[in-house]
Structures are given as C-alpha cells and as structure tokens.
Amino acid sequence: MQLMYSFIIPVFNRPNEIQELLDSFLELKTACTFEIIIVEDGSTKSSKQVVDSYTSKLDISYFFKENSGPGASRNYGMERANGHYFIILDSDCILPSQYLNAVNNSLQHNYVDCFGGPDAAHASFSNLQKAINFSMTSFLTTGGIRGHKKSVDTFQPRSFNMGLSKKAFHETQGFGRIHPGEDPDLTIRLWTKGFKTNLIPEAYVFHKRRISWSKFYTQVNKFGMVRPILNYWHPETKKITYWFPFLFSFSCILSLLLTVFGILWPLYCVFLYYILVLVSATIQNKSIIIGFQSLIATTIQFFGYGYGFIKSTLTLTLFNKKPEEAFPKLFFKIK
C-alpha cells in the first residue's frame, strides 16, 4: 500500500519557526511522496515570504484564513490536502531525518487510522527548553502518557505530532472548537466510531517550545482545566490518574503544614521524590543546572495543572455550568 502524505501545519505569528521546520523537511531521507500545507491562522506576522522561498524545493502550499484556532486551521488544511494520510505538526517542531520513514514503515506493517509520536529535546535547545521537555515527557512526571510507553488502542495522540487518515477525518469532521484539549477529544470520538490509534515510538519530533516559566504555567493550567471538560463530554474516559497532579500539590502543602505539629515524614517523602527527579533529569541531560531547572518545571506543571483541574471540576460539578459558559476562553468561535 503506497501512501501519499500531507503534512498539515497551522502557524500563528511565527515565521521563524516555520523556517526551521521547513529546513528539516529538506533533510528528510525518504522515498515517500509528500506535500506540505501551511495554514496561516490570521497572523499579523506573515510566514508567506518564508514559505515562498521553499516552493522550488518542496511541494508546499500556503493558505491564509481568519483566526479561528489551531483545530479549525488543521481542519481547513486537511480539507484542501491531496494526500491519503495527514500528518499534523506544530510549527515549533523540527523533524529528524528518519521521521517519515519511521511513520511509513509502521503503517505498512500495522496500519491504524490515527497515530501519535513522542517529542524529544534537540541538543541545540536551551536549558529551559530541555527542563520543560523533561517535565512533560518523563515517566516520573507524566507516567509516559506523551509517548514513552508502548500502548495500542489506548494511546491518545497529541496534535504536535499526530497522523490521521482521510477516512477518519471525514467521518469525525476533525478537530473541535476547544483548545487545548482538541486532540484527546478527537481521539475519543475516533474510538467511539471504531477507529484505532497507536503510538509510533520511532516517529519522534524535536518539540522546540518557545516558552517562559509564566507561559508554561498558563499552558499546563489550561491543560488542567480542559481535562474535566473532556470527562464531562466523555465520562467513560475518567481515570483516577487525572487527579494525581492535584493530589501531589495538595500533599506538598499538607506536608508543610504538618511540620508545625512535628510530623516530618510526609515532607521527607516529597523530598525523596524531588531527589529522584533531580537525579533523573541531571543524568538524562548531563547537566546539574538542567536538573535543578527540571525541579522548577515539575513543580509548575503539577501545581498549574492541579489548580486548573480542581477549579474546572468544582465549576462543572458544584455550579452545574456547561463548559462553554464556564470557560469561554477555552473555545474558539468558528466563523
């Protein structure tokens, strides 16, 4: 089965990122046929000039549309794509040279209508980017849910590195209005319609998050707010593990309060966990500085996600509000 692939890439005010990503396309070592669809989502900093400089080197198309969010932009691109299979990337990703071969080999041997791949840190990334990458991908912090465990049928691909067949797109109508959270929502709807998902561990990307500590907190806080909404829409997907960041954050605060009464062992448990994170991050990145920054990233991730999760849970359950009414900033209007 010969597949033609269409890479779908929404971009918003980030022409420099697109240039780095397109440069990595030039380094792909593959015989697979592919095209690239760039969808400018109402940007004020256009990427068109950058894209135009690659038209003689790559099969690439550029579209500009009014701002309606990344989900709608991906749908817009897939509607105009010529491929049999769509590969969705974020603009802040860089492709390793073997990426497309890894995808194609996996689909030839074990075809699924939706796949996801992991993210990794490139050697050129800053210490901050490497620390945040550790907190987002380590088994110690996320349990491997972003692509570091082999799971079939239960893996929820993330839209920074996600494949979707044309058939699956047409039957689900693609991504919804919520952001973030549009990718697990799509995955769950795919499962409901009988489609299968899979992880392709070898199809990793270098996810170059352009982020600060404050932006990282905002991001994970939104992730936390979105999860109860997904549970509200798809109650069959509820898991106790989604409570872990809040429970950890609560336990940290409680352990500090208990020291007033001379009860120290809970605090020792927290220290032990942080030591494990420090050692693991230091070894993985070969840097004690990144190790300590990973402690900060892990703390922000747990407290940001945990606060967003409990806030959203209480809002939806105690006040019985619908998600769109309770959190309108998490939803884009489709024009």
C-alpha atoms as a PDB file:
ATOM      1  CA  MET A   1       0.000   0.000   0.000  1.00  0.00           C
ATOM      2  CA  GLN A   2       1.595   3.219  -1.197  1.00  0.00           C
ATOM      3  CA  LEU A   3       0.504   6.282   0.744  1.00  0.00           C
ATOM      4  CA  MET A   4       0.857   9.925  -0.141  1.00  0.00           C
ATOM      5  CA  TYR A   5       1.284  12.038   2.961  1.00  0.00           C
ATOM      6  CA  SER A   6       0.043  15.564   3.552  1.00  0.00           C
ATOM      7  CA  PHE A   7       1.733  17.493   6.355  1.00  0.00           C
ATOM      8  CA  ILE A   8      -0.729  19.946   7.917  1.00  0.00           C
ATOM      9  CA  ILE A   9       0.895  22.806   9.826  1.00  0.00           C
ATOM     10  CA  PRO A  10      -1.045  25.723  11.331  1.00  0.00           C
ATOM     11  CA  VAL A  11       1.009  28.794  12.158  1.00  0.00           C
ATOM     12  CA  PHE A  12       0.260  31.926  14.116  1.00  0.00           C
ATOM     13  CA  ASN A  13       2.781  34.795  14.137  1.00  0.00           C
ATOM     14  CA  ARG A  14       5.834  32.527  13.991  1.00  0.00           C
ATOM     15  CA  PRO A  15       7.634  32.776  10.633  1.00  0.00           C
ATOM     16  CA  ASN A  16      10.995  31.869  12.194  1.00  0.00           C
ATOM     17  CA  GLU A  17       9.616  28.580  13.466  1.00  0.00           C
ATOM     18  CA  ILE A  18       8.278  27.702  10.035  1.00  0.00           C
ATOM     19  CA  GLN A  19      11.707  28.306   8.544  1.00  0.00           C
ATOM     20  CA  GLU A  20      13.373  25.887  10.975  1.00  0.00           C
ATOM     21  CA  LEU A  21      10.685  23.268  10.353  1.00  0.00           C
ATOM     22  CA  LEU A  22      10.890  23.594   6.564  1.00  0.00           C
ATOM     23  CA  ASP A  23      14.676  23.316   6.747  1.00  0.00           C
ATOM     24  CA  SER A  24      14.222  19.960   8.493  1.00  0.00           C
ATOM     25  CA  PHE A  25      11.924  18.800   5.658  1.00  0.00           C
ATOM     26  CA  LEU A  26      14.818  19.342   3.259  1.00  0.00           C
ATOM     27  CA  GLU A  27      16.881  16.901   5.332  1.00  0.00           C
ATOM     28  CA  LEU A  28      14.308  14.079   5.271  1.00  0.00           C
ATOM     29  CA  LYS A  29      15.759  10.837   3.956  1.00  0.00           C
ATOM     30  CA  THR A  30      12.759   9.167   2.362  1.00  0.00           C
ATOM     31  CA  ALA A  31      11.326   7.907  -0.904  1.00  0.00           C
ATOM     32  CA  CYS A  32       7.772   8.609   0.282  1.00  0.00           C
ATOM     33  CA  THR A  33       5.669  11.129  -1.602  1.00  0.00           C
ATOM     34  CA  PHE A  34       4.524  14.068   0.498  1.00  0.00           C
ATOM     35  CA  GLU A  35       3.186  17.590   0.335  1.00  0.00           C
ATOM     36  CA  ILE A  36       3.162  20.375   2.928  1.00  0.00           C
ATOM     37  CA  ILE A  37       0.122  22.516   3.726  1.00  0.00           C
ATOM     38  CA  ILE A  38       0.804  25.700   5.699  1.00  0.00           C
ATOM     39  CA  VAL A  39      -2.289  27.365   7.169  1.00  0.00           C
ATOM     40  CA  GLU A  40      -1.749  30.913   8.431  1.00  0.00           C
ATOM     41  CA  ASP A  41      -4.330  31.386  11.184  1.00  0.00           C
ATOM     42  CA  GLY A  42      -4.977  35.129  10.929  1.00  0.00           C
ATOM     43  CA  SER A  43      -1.407  36.090  11.773  1.00  0.00           C
ATOM     44  CA  THR A  44      -0.193  39.683  11.832  1.00  0.00           C
ATOM     45  CA  LYS A  45       3.371  38.407  11.240  1.00  0.00           C
ATOM     46  CA  SER A  46       3.021  36.591   7.951  1.00  0.00           C
ATOM     47  CA  SER A  47       5.003  33.472   7.058  1.00  0.00           C
ATOM     48  CA  LYS A  48       4.252  33.767   3.333  1.00  0.00           C
ATOM     49  CA  GLN A  49       7.625  35.201   2.364  1.00  0.00           C
ATOM     50  CA  VAL A  50       9.389  32.394   4.216  1.00  0.00           C
ATOM     51  CA  VAL A  51       7.152  29.744   2.643  1.00  0.00           C
ATOM     52  CA  ASP A  52       7.591  31.207  -0.839  1.00  0.00           C
ATOM     53  CA  SER A  53      11.354  30.735  -0.568  1.00  0.00           C
ATOM     54  CA  TYR A  54      10.826  26.958  -0.347  1.00  0.00           C
ATOM     55  CA  THR A  55       8.361  26.466  -3.221  1.00  0.00           C
ATOM     56  CA  SER A  56      11.117  25.437  -5.634  1.00  0.00           C
ATOM     57  CA  LYS A  57      12.492  22.890  -3.148  1.00  0.00           C
ATOM     58  CA  LEU A  58       9.342  21.363  -1.613  1.00  0.00           C
ATOM     59  CA  ASP A  59       5.787  20.555  -2.694  1.00  0.00           C
ATOM     60  CA  ILE A  60       4.251  23.203  -0.488  1.00  0.00           C
ATOM     61  CA  SER A  61       1.008  25.186  -0.414  1.00  0.00           C
ATOM     62  CA  TYR A  62       0.210  28.269   1.648  1.00  0.00           C
ATOM     63  CA  PHE A  63      -3.245  29.390   2.810  1.00  0.00           C
ATOM     64  CA  PHE A  64      -4.279  32.424   4.846  1.00  0.00           C
ATOM     65  CA  LYS A  65      -7.533  32.452   6.821  1.00  0.00           C
ATOM     66  CA  GLU A  66      -9.182  34.423   9.609  1.00  0.00           C
ATOM     67  CA  ASN A  67      -8.148  33.443  13.119  1.00  0.00           C
ATOM     68  CA  SER A  68     -10.229  30.537  14.405  1.00  0.00           C
ATOM     69  CA  GLY A  69      -7.719  28.498  16.407  1.00  0.00           C
ATOM     70  CA  PRO A  70      -5.397  25.588  15.632  1.00  0.00           C
ATOM     71  CA  GLY A  71      -8.130  22.936  15.474  1.00  0.00           C
ATOM     72  CA  ALA A  72     -10.137  24.707  12.784  1.00  0.00           C
ATOM     73  CA  SER A  73      -6.918  25.564  10.942  1.00  0.00           C
ATOM     74  CA  ARG A  74      -5.910  21.904  10.823  1.00  0.00           C
ATOM     75  CA  ASN A  75      -9.363  21.002   9.523  1.00  0.00           C
ATOM     76  CA  TYR A  76      -9.033  23.747   6.909  1.00  0.00           C
ATOM     77  CA  GLY A  77      -5.720  22.300   5.756  1.00  0.00           C
ATOM     78  CA  MET A  78      -6.973  18.706   5.638  1.00  0.00           C
ATOM     79  CA  GLU A  79      -9.967  19.777   3.542  1.00  0.00           C
ATOM     80  CA  ARG A  80      -7.532  21.122   0.924  1.00  0.00           C
ATOM     81  CA  ALA A  81      -4.925  18.365   1.083  1.00  0.00           C
ATOM     82  CA  ASN A  82      -4.303  15.812  -1.676  1.00  0.00           C
ATOM     83  CA  GLY A  83      -2.774  13.045   0.424  1.00  0.00           C
ATOM     84  CA  HIS A  84      -4.241   9.752   1.594  1.00  0.00           C
ATOM     85  CA  TYR A  85      -2.910  10.291   5.100  1.00  0.00           C
ATOM     86  CA  PHE A  86      -2.491  13.536   7.042  1.00  0.00           C
ATOM     87  CA  ILE A  87       0.381  14.252   9.430  1.00  0.00           C
ATOM     88  CA  ILE A  88      -0.283  17.160  11.770  1.00  0.00           C
ATOM     89  CA  LEU A  89       2.625  19.097  13.265  1.00  0.00           C
ATOM     90  CA  ASP A  90       3.025  22.176  15.417  1.00  0.00           C
ATOM     91  CA  SER A  91       5.103  24.952  13.914  1.00  0.00           C
ATOM     92  CA  ASP A  92       7.641  24.717  16.762  1.00  0.00           C
ATOM     93  CA  CYS A  93       8.719  21.190  15.800  1.00  0.00           C
ATOM     94  CA  ILE A  94      11.806  20.004  13.942  1.00  0.00           C
ATOM     95  CA  LEU A  95      11.819  16.671  12.089  1.00  0.00           C
ATOM     96  CA  PRO A  96      14.635  14.124  12.409  1.00  0.00           C
ATOM     97  CA  SER A  97      15.787  12.858   9.019  1.00  0.00           C
ATOM     98  CA  GLN A  98      14.274   9.380   9.535  1.00  0.00           C
ATOM     99  CA  TYR A  99      10.839  10.657  10.646  1.00  0.00           C
ATOM    100  CA  LEU A 100       8.721   9.906   7.583  1.00  0.00           C
ATOM    101  CA  ASN A 101      10.330   6.514   7.007  1.00  0.00           C
ATOM    102  CA  ALA A 102       9.506   5.578  10.598  1.00  0.00           C
ATOM    103  CA  VAL A 103       5.873   6.569  10.061  1.00  0.00           C
ATOM    104  CA  ASN A 104       5.582   4.796   6.719  1.00  0.00           C
ATOM    105  CA  ASN A 105       7.259   1.579   7.909  1.00  0.00           C
ATOM    106  CA  SER A 106       4.926   1.378  10.898  1.00  0.00           C
ATOM    107  CA  LEU A 107       1.786   1.971   8.837  1.00  0.00           C
ATOM    108  CA  GLN A 108       2.851  -0.599   6.252  1.00  0.00           C
ATOM    109  CA  HIS A 109       3.217  -3.270   8.943  1.00  0.00           C
ATOM    110  CA  ASN A 110       0.478  -2.209  11.362  1.00  0.00           C
ATOM    111  CA  TYR A 111      -1.954   0.197   9.734  1.00  0.00           C
ATOM    112  CA  VAL A 112      -4.058   2.405  12.006  1.00  0.00           C
ATOM    113  CA  ASP A 113      -6.215   5.398  11.122  1.00  0.00           C
ATOM    114  CA  CYS A 114      -4.601   7.594  13.768  1.00  0.00           C
ATOM    115  CA  PHE A 115      -1.129   7.551  15.288  1.00  0.00           C
ATOM    116  CA  GLY A 116       0.923   9.700  17.596  1.00  0.00           C
ATOM    117  CA  GLY A 117       4.636  10.115  18.143  1.00  0.00           C
ATOM    118  CA  PRO A 118       6.734  11.331  21.082  1.00  0.00           C
ATOM    119  CA  ASP A 119       8.577  14.610  21.458  1.00  0.00           C
ATOM    120  CA  ALA A 120      12.233  14.958  22.336  1.00  0.00           C
ATOM    121  CA  ALA A 121      14.756  17.693  23.094  1.00  0.00           C
ATOM    122  CA  HIS A 122      17.342  18.546  20.456  1.00  0.00           C
ATOM    123  CA  ALA A 123      20.938  19.164  21.554  1.00  0.00           C
ATOM    124  CA  SER A 124      20.616  22.789  20.448  1.00  0.00           C
ATOM    125  CA  PHE A 125      17.694  23.515  22.787  1.00  0.00           C
ATOM    126  CA  SER A 126      18.171  25.925  25.676  1.00  0.00           C
ATOM    127  CA  ASN A 127      18.418  24.660  29.249  1.00  0.00           C
ATOM    128  CA  LEU A 128      14.890  25.929  29.912  1.00  0.00           C
ATOM    129  CA  GLN A 129      13.510  24.053  26.901  1.00  0.00           C
ATOM    130  CA  LYS A 130      15.257  20.861  27.978  1.00  0.00           C
ATOM    131  CA  ALA A 131      13.966  21.194  31.545  1.00  0.00           C
ATOM    132  CA  ILE A 132      10.379  21.708  30.373  1.00  0.00           C
ATOM    133  CA  ASN A 133      10.755  18.839  27.919  1.00  0.00           C
ATOM    134  CA  PHE A 134      11.820  16.609  30.808  1.00  0.00           C
ATOM    135  CA  SER A 135       8.844  17.584  32.943  1.00  0.00           C
ATOM    136  CA  MET A 136       6.444  16.996  30.037  1.00  0.00           C
ATOM    137  CA  THR A 137       7.840  13.634  28.919  1.00  0.00           C
ATOM    138  CA  SER A 138       9.473  11.852  31.874  1.00  0.00           C
ATOM    139  CA  PHE A 139       7.853   8.764  33.366  1.00  0.00           C
ATOM    140  CA  LEU A 140       8.443  10.328  36.800  1.00  0.00           C
ATOM    141  CA  THR A 141       6.274  13.335  35.964  1.00  0.00           C
ATOM    142  CA  THR A 142       3.659  12.245  33.409  1.00  0.00           C
ATOM    143  CA  GLY A 143       3.808   8.472  33.588  1.00  0.00           C
ATOM    144  CA  GLY A 144       4.817   8.288  29.941  1.00  0.00           C
ATOM    145  CA  ILE A 145       1.439   9.387  28.557  1.00  0.00           C
ATOM    146  CA  ARG A 146       3.070  11.607  25.914  1.00  0.00           C
ATOM    147  CA  GLY A 147       4.745   8.758  24.096  1.00  0.00           C
ATOM    148  CA  HIS A 148       7.243   6.877  26.209  1.00  0.00           C
ATOM    149  CA  LYS A 149       5.257   3.717  26.719  1.00  0.00           C
ATOM    150  CA  LYS A 150       4.084   1.241  24.139  1.00  0.00           C
ATOM    151  CA  SER A 151       0.323   1.300  24.042  1.00  0.00           C
ATOM    152  CA  VAL A 152      -2.065   0.161  21.348  1.00  0.00           C
ATOM    153  CA  ASP A 153      -5.701   1.238  21.120  1.00  0.00           C
ATOM    154  CA  THR A 154      -5.433   3.356  24.281  1.00  0.00           C
ATOM    155  CA  PHE A 155      -2.778   5.890  23.267  1.00  0.00           C
ATOM    156  CA  GLN A 156      -4.083   9.443  22.888  1.00  0.00           C
ATOM    157  CA  PRO A 157      -2.003  11.176  20.184  1.00  0.00           C
ATOM    158  CA  ARG A 158      -1.098  14.815  20.681  1.00  0.00           C
ATOM    159  CA  SER A 159      -1.555  17.250  17.824  1.00  0.00           C
ATOM    160  CA  PHE A 160       2.054  18.473  17.822  1.00  0.00           C
ATOM    161  CA  ASN A 161       2.879  15.096  16.177  1.00  0.00           C
ATOM    162  CA  MET A 162      -0.191  13.226  15.018  1.00  0.00           C
ATOM    163  CA  GLY A 163      -1.328  11.253  11.964  1.00  0.00           C
ATOM    164  CA  LEU A 164      -4.907  10.904  10.735  1.00  0.00           C
ATOM    165  CA  SER A 165      -6.287   9.049   7.724  1.00  0.00           C
ATOM    166  CA  LYS A 166      -8.521  10.863   5.246  1.00  0.00           C
ATOM    167  CA  LYS A 167     -11.323   8.411   6.052  1.00  0.00           C
ATOM    168  CA  ALA A 168     -11.080   9.083   9.796  1.00  0.00           C
ATOM    169  CA  PHE A 169     -11.077  12.831   9.187  1.00  0.00           C
ATOM    170  CA  HIS A 170     -14.212  12.740   7.059  1.00  0.00           C
ATOM    171  CA  GLU A 171     -16.121  10.506   9.481  1.00  0.00           C
ATOM    172  CA  THR A 172     -15.296  12.650  12.543  1.00  0.00           C
ATOM    173  CA  GLN A 173     -15.108  16.083  10.851  1.00  0.00           C
ATOM    174  CA  GLY A 174     -11.752  16.539  12.544  1.00  0.00           C
ATOM    175  CA  PHE A 175     -10.954  18.758  15.497  1.00  0.00           C
ATOM    176  CA  GLY A 176     -13.492  20.604  17.632  1.00  0.00           C
ATOM    177  CA  ARG A 177     -13.523  24.189  18.936  1.00  0.00           C
ATOM    178  CA  ILE A 178     -11.835  23.610  22.279  1.00  0.00           C
ATOM    179  CA  HIS A 179      -8.154  24.474  22.732  1.00  0.00           C
ATOM    180  CA  PRO A 180      -6.187  22.948  24.289  1.00  0.00           C
ATOM    181  CA  GLY A 181      -7.799  19.515  24.514  1.00  0.00           C
ATOM    182  CA  GLU A 182      -8.888  19.234  20.893  1.00  0.00           C
ATOM    183  CA  ASP A 183      -6.569  16.264  20.283  1.00  0.00           C
ATOM    184  CA  PRO A 184      -7.789  13.903  23.067  1.00  0.00           C
ATOM    185  CA  ASP A 185     -11.366  14.899  22.223  1.00  0.00           C
ATOM    186  CA  LEU A 186     -10.796  13.818  18.624  1.00  0.00           C
ATOM    187  CA  THR A 187      -9.120  10.597  19.752  1.00  0.00           C
ATOM    188  CA  ILE A 188     -12.059   9.641  21.950  1.00  0.00           C
ATOM    189  CA  ARG A 189     -14.516  10.343  19.127  1.00  0.00           C
ATOM    190  CA  LEU A 190     -12.376   8.169  16.840  1.00  0.00           C
ATOM    191  CA  TRP A 191     -12.578   5.308  19.332  1.00  0.00           C
ATOM    192  CA  THR A 192     -16.348   5.727  19.530  1.00  0.00           C
ATOM    193  CA  LYS A 193     -16.560   5.242  15.758  1.00  0.00           C
ATOM    194  CA  GLY A 194     -14.408   2.124  15.881  1.00  0.00           C
ATOM    195  CA  PHE A 195     -11.101   3.582  14.699  1.00  0.00           C
ATOM    196  CA  LYS A 196      -7.871   2.536  16.383  1.00  0.00           C
ATOM    197  CA  THR A 197      -4.938   4.664  17.498  1.00  0.00           C
ATOM    198  CA  ASN A 198      -1.345   3.720  18.063  1.00  0.00           C
ATOM    199  CA  LEU A 199       1.979   5.073  19.245  1.00  0.00           C
ATOM    200  CA  ILE A 200       4.951   5.016  16.873  1.00  0.00           C
ATOM    201  CA  PRO A 201       7.907   5.454  19.255  1.00  0.00           C
ATOM    202  CA  GLU A 202      10.416   5.901  16.423  1.00  0.00           C
ATOM    203  CA  ALA A 203       8.394   8.771  14.893  1.00  0.00           C
ATOM    204  CA  TYR A 204       9.542  11.398  17.362  1.00  0.00           C
ATOM    205  CA  VAL A 205       9.962  15.105  16.719  1.00  0.00           C
ATOM    206  CA  PHE A 206      12.095  17.725  18.380  1.00  0.00           C
ATOM    207  CA  HIS A 207       9.479  19.932  20.032  1.00  0.00           C
ATOM    208  CA  LYS A 208      11.100  23.334  20.373  1.00  0.00           C
ATOM    209  CA  ARG A 209       8.709  25.008  22.779  1.00  0.00           C
ATOM    210  CA  ARG A 210       9.304  28.783  22.760  1.00  0.00           C
ATOM    211  CA  ILE A 211       8.257  29.333  26.303  1.00  0.00           C
ATOM    212  CA  SER A 212       8.968  31.041  29.626  1.00  0.00           C
ATOM    213  CA  TRP A 213       8.099  29.937  33.141  1.00  0.00           C
ATOM    214  CA  SER A 214       4.966  32.113  33.102  1.00  0.00           C
ATOM    215  CA  LYS A 215       3.854  30.829  29.701  1.00  0.00           C
ATOM    216  CA  PHE A 216       4.488  27.267  30.832  1.00  0.00           C
ATOM    217  CA  TYR A 217       2.269  27.797  33.876  1.00  0.00           C
ATOM    218  CA  THR A 218      -0.505  29.204  31.677  1.00  0.00           C
ATOM    219  CA  GLN A 219      -0.211  26.227  29.337  1.00  0.00           C
ATOM    220  CA  VAL A 220      -0.370  23.497  31.985  1.00  0.00           C
ATOM    221  CA  ASN A 221      -3.096  25.370  33.869  1.00  0.00           C
ATOM    222  CA  LYS A 222      -5.229  25.210  30.717  1.00  0.00           C
ATOM    223  CA  PHE A 223      -4.418  21.523  30.351  1.00  0.00           C
ATOM    224  CA  GLY A 224      -5.765  21.030  33.863  1.00  0.00           C
ATOM    225  CA  MET A 225      -8.967  22.961  33.137  1.00  0.00           C
ATOM    226  CA  VAL A 226      -9.596  21.017  29.946  1.00  0.00           C
ATOM    227  CA  ARG A 227      -9.427  17.509  31.403  1.00  0.00           C
ATOM    228  CA  PRO A 228     -12.666  17.750  33.485  1.00  0.00           C
ATOM    229  CA  ILE A 229     -14.387  19.130  30.378  1.00  0.00           C
ATOM    230  CA  LEU A 230     -13.293  16.041  28.436  1.00  0.00           C
ATOM    231  CA  ASN A 231     -14.530  13.885  31.316  1.00  0.00           C
ATOM    232  CA  TYR A 232     -17.841  15.770  31.175  1.00  0.00           C
ATOM    233  CA  TRP A 233     -18.189  15.097  27.445  1.00  0.00           C
ATOM    234  CA  HIS A 234     -16.802  11.560  27.585  1.00  0.00           C
ATOM    235  CA  PRO A 235     -17.493  10.183  31.094  1.00  0.00           C
ATOM    236  CA  GLU A 236     -16.342   6.709  30.077  1.00  0.00           C
ATOM    237  CA  THR A 237     -12.757   8.022  29.894  1.00  0.00           C
ATOM    238  CA  LYS A 238     -12.485   9.190  33.511  1.00  0.00           C
ATOM    239  CA  LYS A 239      -9.363   7.962  35.339  1.00  0.00           C
ATOM    240  CA  ILE A 240      -8.082   8.422  38.865  1.00  0.00           C
ATOM    241  CA  THR A 241      -4.664   9.250  37.400  1.00  0.00           C
ATOM    242  CA  TYR A 242      -6.004  12.602  36.162  1.00  0.00           C
ATOM    243  CA  TRP A 243      -6.264  13.598  39.846  1.00  0.00           C
ATOM    244  CA  PHE A 244      -2.592  12.912  40.585  1.00  0.00           C
ATOM    245  CA  PRO A 245      -1.197  16.435  39.924  1.00  0.00           C
ATOM    246  CA  PHE A 246      -3.803  17.979  42.246  1.00  0.00           C
ATOM    247  CA  LEU A 247      -3.265  15.295  44.895  1.00  0.00           C
ATOM    248  CA  PHE A 248       0.500  15.778  44.722  1.00  0.00           C
ATOM    249  CA  SER A 249       0.167  19.558  45.035  1.00  0.00           C
ATOM    250  CA  PHE A 250      -2.238  19.188  47.953  1.00  0.00           C
ATOM    251  CA  SER A 251       0.123  16.701  49.610  1.00  0.00           C
ATOM    252  CA  CYS A 252       3.043  19.128  49.312  1.00  0.00           C
ATOM    253  CA  ILE A 253       1.076  21.879  51.037  1.00  0.00           C
ATOM    254  CA  LEU A 254      -0.218  19.466  53.685  1.00  0.00           C
ATOM    255  CA  SER A 255       3.278  18.133  54.383  1.00  0.00           C
ATOM    256  CA  LEU A 256       4.492  21.660  55.102  1.00  0.00           C
ATOM    257  CA  LEU A 257       1.576  22.316  57.458  1.00  0.00           C
ATOM    258  CA  LEU A 258       2.197  19.069  59.327  1.00  0.00           C
ATOM    259  CA  THR A 259       5.724  20.157  60.208  1.00  0.00           C
ATOM    260  CA  VAL A 260       4.151  22.653  62.625  1.00  0.00           C
ATOM    261  CA  PHE A 261       2.978  19.642  64.635  1.00  0.00           C
ATOM    262  CA  GLY A 262       6.320  17.887  64.394  1.00  0.00           C
ATOM    263  CA  ILE A 263       5.166  15.399  61.738  1.00  0.00           C
ATOM    264  CA  LEU A 264       8.017  15.316  59.253  1.00  0.00           C
ATOM    265  CA  TRP A 265       7.763  12.038  57.323  1.00  0.00           C
ATOM    266  CA  PRO A 266       5.354  13.394  54.635  1.00  0.00           C
ATOM    267  CA  LEU A 267       7.840  16.163  53.869  1.00  0.00           C
ATOM    268  CA  TYR A 268      10.643  13.589  53.637  1.00  0.00           C
ATOM    269  CA  CYS A 269       8.561  11.703  51.039  1.00  0.00           C
ATOM    270  CA  VAL A 270       8.227  14.868  48.979  1.00  0.00           C
ATOM    271  CA  PHE A 271      11.984  15.487  49.256  1.00  0.00           C
ATOM    272  CA  LEU A 272      12.658  11.916  48.115  1.00  0.00           C
ATOM    273  CA  TYR A 273      10.506  12.395  45.032  1.00  0.00           C
ATOM    274  CA  TYR A 274      12.273  15.650  44.146  1.00  0.00           C
ATOM    275  CA  ILE A 275      15.660  13.966  44.586  1.00  0.00           C
ATOM    276  CA  LEU A 276      14.586  11.285  42.098  1.00  0.00           C
ATOM    277  CA  VAL A 277      13.527  13.991  39.629  1.00  0.00           C
ATOM    278  CA  LEU A 278      16.797  15.878  40.116  1.00  0.00           C
ATOM    279  CA  VAL A 279      18.955  12.796  39.588  1.00  0.00           C
ATOM    280  CA  SER A 280      16.950  11.570  36.600  1.00  0.00           C
ATOM    281  CA  ALA A 281      16.903  14.961  34.844  1.00  0.00           C
ATOM    282  CA  THR A 282      20.597  15.522  35.543  1.00  0.00           C
ATOM    283  CA  ILE A 283      21.592  12.131  34.125  1.00  0.00           C
ATOM    284  CA  GLN A 284      19.291  12.422  31.099  1.00  0.00           C
ATOM    285  CA  ASN A 285      20.530  15.892  30.177  1.00  0.00           C
ATOM    286  CA  LYS A 286      24.068  15.541  31.582  1.00  0.00           C
ATOM    287  CA  SER A 287      23.664  18.823  33.414  1.00  0.00           C
ATOM    288  CA  ILE A 288      23.028  19.600  37.081  1.00  0.00           C
ATOM    289  CA  ILE A 289      21.711  23.024  36.029  1.00  0.00           C
ATOM    290  CA  ILE A 290      19.009  21.420  33.897  1.00  0.00           C
ATOM    291  CA  GLY A 291      18.388  19.036  36.779  1.00  0.00           C
ATOM    292  CA  PHE A 292      17.525  21.915  39.124  1.00  0.00           C
ATOM    293  CA  GLN A 293      15.507  23.685  36.425  1.00  0.00           C
ATOM    294  CA  SER A 294      13.569  20.453  35.968  1.00  0.00           C
ATOM    295  CA  LEU A 295      12.558  20.688  39.642  1.00  0.00           C
ATOM    296  CA  ILE A 296      11.060  24.112  38.928  1.00  0.00           C
ATOM    297  CA  ALA A 297       9.355  22.846  35.762  1.00  0.00           C
ATOM    298  CA  THR A 298       7.907  19.830  37.568  1.00  0.00           C
ATOM    299  CA  THR A 299       6.563  21.996  40.395  1.00  0.00           C
ATOM    300  CA  ILE A 300       4.959  24.448  37.958  1.00  0.00           C
ATOM    301  CA  GLN A 301       3.485  21.584  35.977  1.00  0.00           C
ATOM    302  CA  PHE A 302       1.888  19.869  38.981  1.00  0.00           C
ATOM    303  CA  PHE A 303       0.610  22.997  40.701  1.00  0.00           C
ATOM    304  CA  GLY A 304      -0.555  24.661  37.474  1.00  0.00           C
ATOM    305  CA  TYR A 305      -2.332  21.571  36.200  1.00  0.00           C
ATOM    306  CA  GLY A 306      -3.658  20.645  39.628  1.00  0.00           C
ATOM    307  CA  TYR A 307      -5.150  24.079  40.260  1.00  0.00           C
ATOM    308  CA  GLY A 308      -6.753  24.180  36.818  1.00  0.00           C
ATOM    309  CA  PHE A 309      -8.116  20.665  37.264  1.00  0.00           C
ATOM    310  CA  ILE A 310      -9.769  21.227  40.645  1.00  0.00           C
ATOM    311  CA  LYS A 311     -11.097  24.647  39.594  1.00  0.00           C
ATOM    312  CA  SER A 312     -12.702  23.168  36.484  1.00  0.00           C
ATOM    313  CA  THR A 313     -14.001  20.112  38.348  1.00  0.00           C
ATOM    314  CA  LEU A 314     -15.715  22.188  41.024  1.00  0.00           C
ATOM    315  CA  THR A 315     -17.121  24.632  38.483  1.00  0.00           C
ATOM    316  CA  LEU A 316     -18.689  21.901  36.365  1.00  0.00           C
ATOM    317  CA  THR A 317     -19.986  19.787  39.255  1.00  0.00           C
ATOM    318  CA  LEU A 318     -20.963  22.188  42.058  1.00  0.00           C
ATOM    319  CA  PHE A 319     -22.237  25.022  39.878  1.00  0.00           C
ATOM    320  CA  ASN A 320     -23.567  22.739  37.114  1.00  0.00           C
ATOM    321  CA  LYS A 321     -22.317  25.024  34.350  1.00  0.00           C
ATOM    322  CA  LYS A 322     -21.734  23.935  30.780  1.00  0.00           C
ATOM    323  CA  PRO A 323     -18.082  24.071  29.683  1.00  0.00           C
ATOM    324  CA  GLU A 324     -18.618  26.784  27.059  1.00  0.00           C
ATOM    325  CA  GLU A 325     -20.341  29.001  29.636  1.00  0.00           C
ATOM    326  CA  ALA A 326     -17.860  28.340  32.428  1.00  0.00           C
ATOM    327  CA  PHE A 327     -14.662  28.689  30.365  1.00  0.00           C
ATOM    328  CA  PRO A 328     -15.384  30.652  27.171  1.00  0.00           C
ATOM    329  CA  LYS A 329     -11.683  31.463  26.644  1.00  0.00           C
ATOM    330  CA  LEU A 330     -11.014  27.778  26.009  1.00  0.00           C
ATOM    331  CA  PHE A 331     -13.279  27.770  22.955  1.00  0.00           C
ATOM    332  CA  PHE A 332     -12.745  29.360  19.557  1.00  0.00           C
ATOM    333  CA  LYS A 333     -15.654  30.702  17.551  1.00  0.00           C
ATOM    334  CA  ILE A 334     -15.879  29.129  14.126  1.00  0.00           C
ATOM    335  CA  LYS A 335     -16.760  31.777  11.563  1.00  0.00           C
END
